[in-house]
Every structure is written in C-alpha cells, then in structure tokens.
N, C-alpha and C. Protein backbone atom coordinates (compact mmCIF):
# COMPACT_ATOMS: atom_id res chain seq x y z
N MET A 1 6.51 -15.14 -7.98
CA MET A 1 5.81 -14.61 -9.13
C MET A 1 4.74 -15.60 -9.57
N SER A 2 3.61 -15.07 -9.98
CA SER A 2 2.50 -15.91 -10.40
C SER A 2 2.82 -16.61 -11.71
N THR A 3 2.42 -17.86 -11.82
CA THR A 3 2.61 -18.59 -13.07
C THR A 3 1.44 -18.35 -14.02
N ASP A 4 0.37 -17.73 -13.52
CA ASP A 4 -0.81 -17.44 -14.33
C ASP A 4 -1.28 -16.02 -14.03
N PRO A 5 -0.51 -15.00 -14.48
CA PRO A 5 -0.88 -13.62 -14.16
C PRO A 5 -2.24 -13.25 -14.75
N ILE A 6 -3.12 -12.69 -13.92
CA ILE A 6 -4.47 -12.38 -14.37
C ILE A 6 -4.52 -11.18 -15.29
N HIS A 7 -3.47 -10.37 -15.31
CA HIS A 7 -3.47 -9.16 -16.14
C HIS A 7 -2.51 -9.25 -17.33
N LEU A 8 -2.02 -10.45 -17.61
CA LEU A 8 -1.08 -10.64 -18.71
C LEU A 8 -1.71 -10.20 -20.02
N GLY A 9 -1.02 -9.32 -20.74
CA GLY A 9 -1.49 -8.86 -22.03
C GLY A 9 -2.50 -7.72 -21.97
N ARG A 10 -2.84 -7.27 -20.77
CA ARG A 10 -3.81 -6.18 -20.63
C ARG A 10 -3.07 -4.88 -20.33
N GLU A 11 -3.61 -3.79 -20.87
CA GLU A 11 -3.02 -2.48 -20.59
C GLU A 11 -3.17 -2.15 -19.11
N CYS A 12 -2.14 -1.61 -18.56
CA CYS A 12 -2.16 -1.25 -17.14
C CYS A 12 -1.67 0.18 -17.01
N SER A 13 -2.57 1.07 -16.65
CA SER A 13 -2.13 2.44 -16.43
C SER A 13 -1.50 2.54 -15.05
N GLY A 14 -0.82 3.57 -14.82
CA GLY A 14 -0.14 3.73 -13.54
C GLY A 14 -0.21 5.16 -13.08
N PHE A 15 0.74 5.55 -12.28
CA PHE A 15 0.79 6.92 -11.81
C PHE A 15 2.24 7.32 -11.67
N LYS A 16 2.44 8.60 -11.63
CA LYS A 16 3.79 9.14 -11.51
C LYS A 16 3.80 10.08 -10.31
N ILE A 17 4.80 9.94 -9.49
CA ILE A 17 4.97 10.82 -8.34
C ILE A 17 6.14 11.74 -8.64
N THR A 18 5.89 13.02 -8.55
CA THR A 18 6.94 14.00 -8.73
C THR A 18 7.24 14.62 -7.38
N VAL A 19 8.42 14.41 -6.90
CA VAL A 19 8.83 14.97 -5.61
C VAL A 19 9.32 16.39 -5.86
N THR A 20 8.64 17.33 -5.25
CA THR A 20 9.01 18.74 -5.45
C THR A 20 9.91 19.27 -4.35
N ASN A 21 9.95 18.58 -3.23
CA ASN A 21 10.85 18.98 -2.15
C ASN A 21 11.33 17.72 -1.43
N ARG A 22 12.51 17.27 -1.78
CA ARG A 22 12.99 16.02 -1.21
C ARG A 22 13.37 16.13 0.26
N ASP A 23 13.43 17.34 0.78
CA ASP A 23 13.70 17.51 2.21
C ASP A 23 12.47 17.20 3.06
N THR A 24 11.29 17.36 2.48
CA THR A 24 10.07 17.11 3.25
C THR A 24 9.34 15.85 2.78
N TYR A 25 9.77 15.25 1.68
CA TYR A 25 9.14 14.04 1.14
C TYR A 25 9.35 12.88 2.10
N GLU A 26 8.28 12.16 2.37
CA GLU A 26 8.34 11.00 3.26
C GLU A 26 7.91 9.76 2.49
N PRO A 27 8.88 9.04 1.89
CA PRO A 27 8.54 7.92 1.01
C PRO A 27 7.78 6.80 1.70
N VAL A 28 8.07 6.49 2.94
CA VAL A 28 7.34 5.42 3.64
C VAL A 28 5.89 5.82 3.84
N LEU A 29 5.67 7.05 4.22
CA LEU A 29 4.32 7.56 4.40
C LEU A 29 3.54 7.52 3.08
N VAL A 30 4.14 8.03 2.02
CA VAL A 30 3.48 8.05 0.72
C VAL A 30 3.22 6.62 0.24
N GLY A 31 4.20 5.76 0.35
CA GLY A 31 4.03 4.37 -0.08
C GLY A 31 2.94 3.65 0.69
N SER A 32 2.88 3.88 1.99
CA SER A 32 1.85 3.21 2.80
C SER A 32 0.47 3.74 2.47
N TYR A 33 0.34 5.02 2.14
CA TYR A 33 -0.94 5.57 1.70
C TYR A 33 -1.37 4.93 0.39
N ILE A 34 -0.43 4.80 -0.54
CA ILE A 34 -0.74 4.22 -1.85
C ILE A 34 -1.20 2.78 -1.70
N VAL A 35 -0.49 1.99 -0.92
CA VAL A 35 -0.89 0.60 -0.70
C VAL A 35 -2.28 0.54 -0.09
N ALA A 36 -2.54 1.37 0.91
CA ALA A 36 -3.85 1.38 1.57
C ALA A 36 -4.95 1.77 0.58
N LEU A 37 -4.69 2.76 -0.24
CA LEU A 37 -5.68 3.20 -1.21
C LEU A 37 -5.99 2.10 -2.22
N ILE A 38 -4.97 1.44 -2.72
CA ILE A 38 -5.18 0.34 -3.67
C ILE A 38 -5.99 -0.78 -3.01
N ALA A 39 -5.62 -1.13 -1.79
CA ALA A 39 -6.33 -2.20 -1.07
C ALA A 39 -7.79 -1.84 -0.85
N GLN A 40 -8.06 -0.58 -0.56
CA GLN A 40 -9.43 -0.17 -0.27
C GLN A 40 -10.25 0.03 -1.54
N LEU A 41 -9.62 0.44 -2.63
CA LEU A 41 -10.34 0.61 -3.90
C LEU A 41 -10.61 -0.72 -4.60
N TYR A 42 -9.73 -1.68 -4.40
CA TYR A 42 -9.83 -2.97 -5.08
C TYR A 42 -9.78 -4.13 -4.08
N PRO A 43 -10.70 -4.18 -3.14
CA PRO A 43 -10.62 -5.19 -2.08
C PRO A 43 -10.73 -6.64 -2.58
N HIS A 44 -11.38 -6.85 -3.72
CA HIS A 44 -11.52 -8.22 -4.23
C HIS A 44 -10.28 -8.68 -4.99
N HIS A 45 -9.41 -7.75 -5.31
CA HIS A 45 -8.19 -8.09 -6.05
C HIS A 45 -6.94 -7.99 -5.20
N PHE A 46 -7.00 -7.23 -4.13
CA PHE A 46 -5.81 -7.00 -3.30
C PHE A 46 -5.62 -8.15 -2.31
N LYS A 47 -4.38 -8.56 -2.17
CA LYS A 47 -4.05 -9.62 -1.21
C LYS A 47 -2.62 -9.40 -0.73
N TRP A 48 -2.44 -9.48 0.58
CA TRP A 48 -1.08 -9.40 1.12
C TRP A 48 -0.38 -10.70 0.74
N LEU A 49 0.76 -10.61 0.09
CA LEU A 49 1.49 -11.82 -0.28
C LEU A 49 2.13 -12.47 0.94
N ASN A 50 2.61 -11.64 1.86
CA ASN A 50 3.20 -12.18 3.08
C ASN A 50 2.90 -11.22 4.23
N PRO A 51 1.77 -11.41 4.90
CA PRO A 51 1.38 -10.50 5.98
C PRO A 51 2.43 -10.37 7.08
N ASP A 52 3.15 -11.44 7.36
CA ASP A 52 4.18 -11.37 8.40
C ASP A 52 5.29 -10.39 8.04
N ASN A 53 5.65 -10.33 6.76
CA ASN A 53 6.67 -9.37 6.33
C ASN A 53 6.17 -7.94 6.47
N VAL A 54 4.91 -7.72 6.10
CA VAL A 54 4.33 -6.38 6.23
C VAL A 54 4.34 -5.97 7.70
N ASP A 55 3.91 -6.87 8.57
CA ASP A 55 3.89 -6.57 10.00
C ASP A 55 5.30 -6.29 10.53
N SER A 56 6.27 -7.02 10.02
CA SER A 56 7.66 -6.81 10.45
C SER A 56 8.16 -5.44 10.02
N ILE A 57 7.84 -5.03 8.82
CA ILE A 57 8.27 -3.73 8.31
C ILE A 57 7.68 -2.60 9.15
N PHE A 58 6.40 -2.75 9.54
CA PHE A 58 5.71 -1.69 10.27
C PHE A 58 5.76 -1.87 11.78
N GLY A 59 6.45 -2.91 12.25
CA GLY A 59 6.62 -3.09 13.69
C GLY A 59 5.40 -3.63 14.40
N GLY A 60 4.53 -4.28 13.70
CA GLY A 60 3.31 -4.85 14.27
C GLY A 60 2.23 -4.91 13.22
N ASN A 61 1.05 -5.40 13.61
CA ASN A 61 -0.01 -5.57 12.62
C ASN A 61 -0.98 -4.40 12.54
N GLU A 62 -0.71 -3.31 13.24
CA GLU A 62 -1.64 -2.19 13.28
C GLU A 62 -1.90 -1.59 11.89
N TYR A 63 -0.87 -1.39 11.10
CA TYR A 63 -1.05 -0.83 9.75
C TYR A 63 -1.89 -1.77 8.90
N ARG A 64 -1.51 -3.04 8.86
CA ARG A 64 -2.22 -4.01 8.02
C ARG A 64 -3.68 -4.13 8.44
N MET A 65 -3.94 -4.14 9.73
CA MET A 65 -5.32 -4.24 10.23
C MET A 65 -6.11 -2.98 9.85
N MET A 66 -5.47 -1.82 9.94
CA MET A 66 -6.14 -0.57 9.58
C MET A 66 -6.53 -0.61 8.10
N VAL A 67 -5.63 -1.09 7.26
CA VAL A 67 -5.91 -1.20 5.83
C VAL A 67 -7.06 -2.18 5.59
N GLU A 68 -6.98 -3.34 6.22
CA GLU A 68 -8.00 -4.37 6.01
C GLU A 68 -9.38 -3.93 6.49
N LEU A 69 -9.43 -3.10 7.49
CA LEU A 69 -10.71 -2.63 8.02
C LEU A 69 -11.21 -1.37 7.32
N GLY A 70 -10.43 -0.87 6.37
CA GLY A 70 -10.84 0.31 5.61
C GLY A 70 -10.65 1.61 6.38
N GLY A 71 -9.79 1.58 7.38
CA GLY A 71 -9.56 2.78 8.19
C GLY A 71 -8.63 3.77 7.51
N ASP A 72 -8.50 4.91 8.12
CA ASP A 72 -7.65 5.98 7.62
C ASP A 72 -6.24 5.79 8.16
N VAL A 73 -5.32 5.31 7.33
CA VAL A 73 -3.96 5.02 7.79
C VAL A 73 -3.22 6.27 8.22
N LYS A 74 -3.68 7.45 7.79
CA LYS A 74 -3.03 8.69 8.20
C LYS A 74 -3.05 8.83 9.73
N LYS A 75 -4.06 8.27 10.37
CA LYS A 75 -4.16 8.35 11.82
C LYS A 75 -2.98 7.65 12.51
N LEU A 76 -2.38 6.70 11.85
CA LEU A 76 -1.24 6.00 12.43
C LEU A 76 0.00 6.88 12.49
N TYR A 77 0.02 7.93 11.67
CA TYR A 77 1.20 8.77 11.58
C TYR A 77 1.06 10.10 12.32
N LEU A 78 -0.11 10.38 12.81
CA LEU A 78 -0.30 11.63 13.54
C LEU A 78 0.35 11.54 14.91
N VAL A 79 1.14 12.52 15.21
CA VAL A 79 1.86 12.52 16.49
C VAL A 79 1.21 13.49 17.44
C-alpha cells in the first residue's frame, strides 16, 4: 500500500456491475476488460504493481502486452 496516496481525501466515483444471468457471466473476462479500459483511458496514472503476477494469472505476457499497446483484449478471448 502506498504511504502517500495521490487520491487521499478526493472523491472517487466508481461503477456497479449488475449480473443479470450468472450462468453466462464471465467474471475473468469482465475484469480483464475493465482493467484494460482503465489502463487505456488513464495511461499516465495506470501502472502494473507486479507484472510477473499478472503474467502468471493469464499464463503469459500476451494480455499485459495487449493492454500496454492499446490493443483490443477481446481478441484474446475469441475462439
């Protein structure tokens, strides 16, 4: 955790996800889209805290590289 949070004391809006069909909801897919969107919308503020952990979760660096290059991460999930 940061000892000098840059947003301390500032209002932070968020978002709410409502799952309407938990049989078709894909939390990893949704979460990876959200992370990619945040990284691409705020490139000067976004930073991977531990890139090796991200790569381990996704089985390689393809997802992280796609995000860093501003690519469409949905392409990683198309079968």
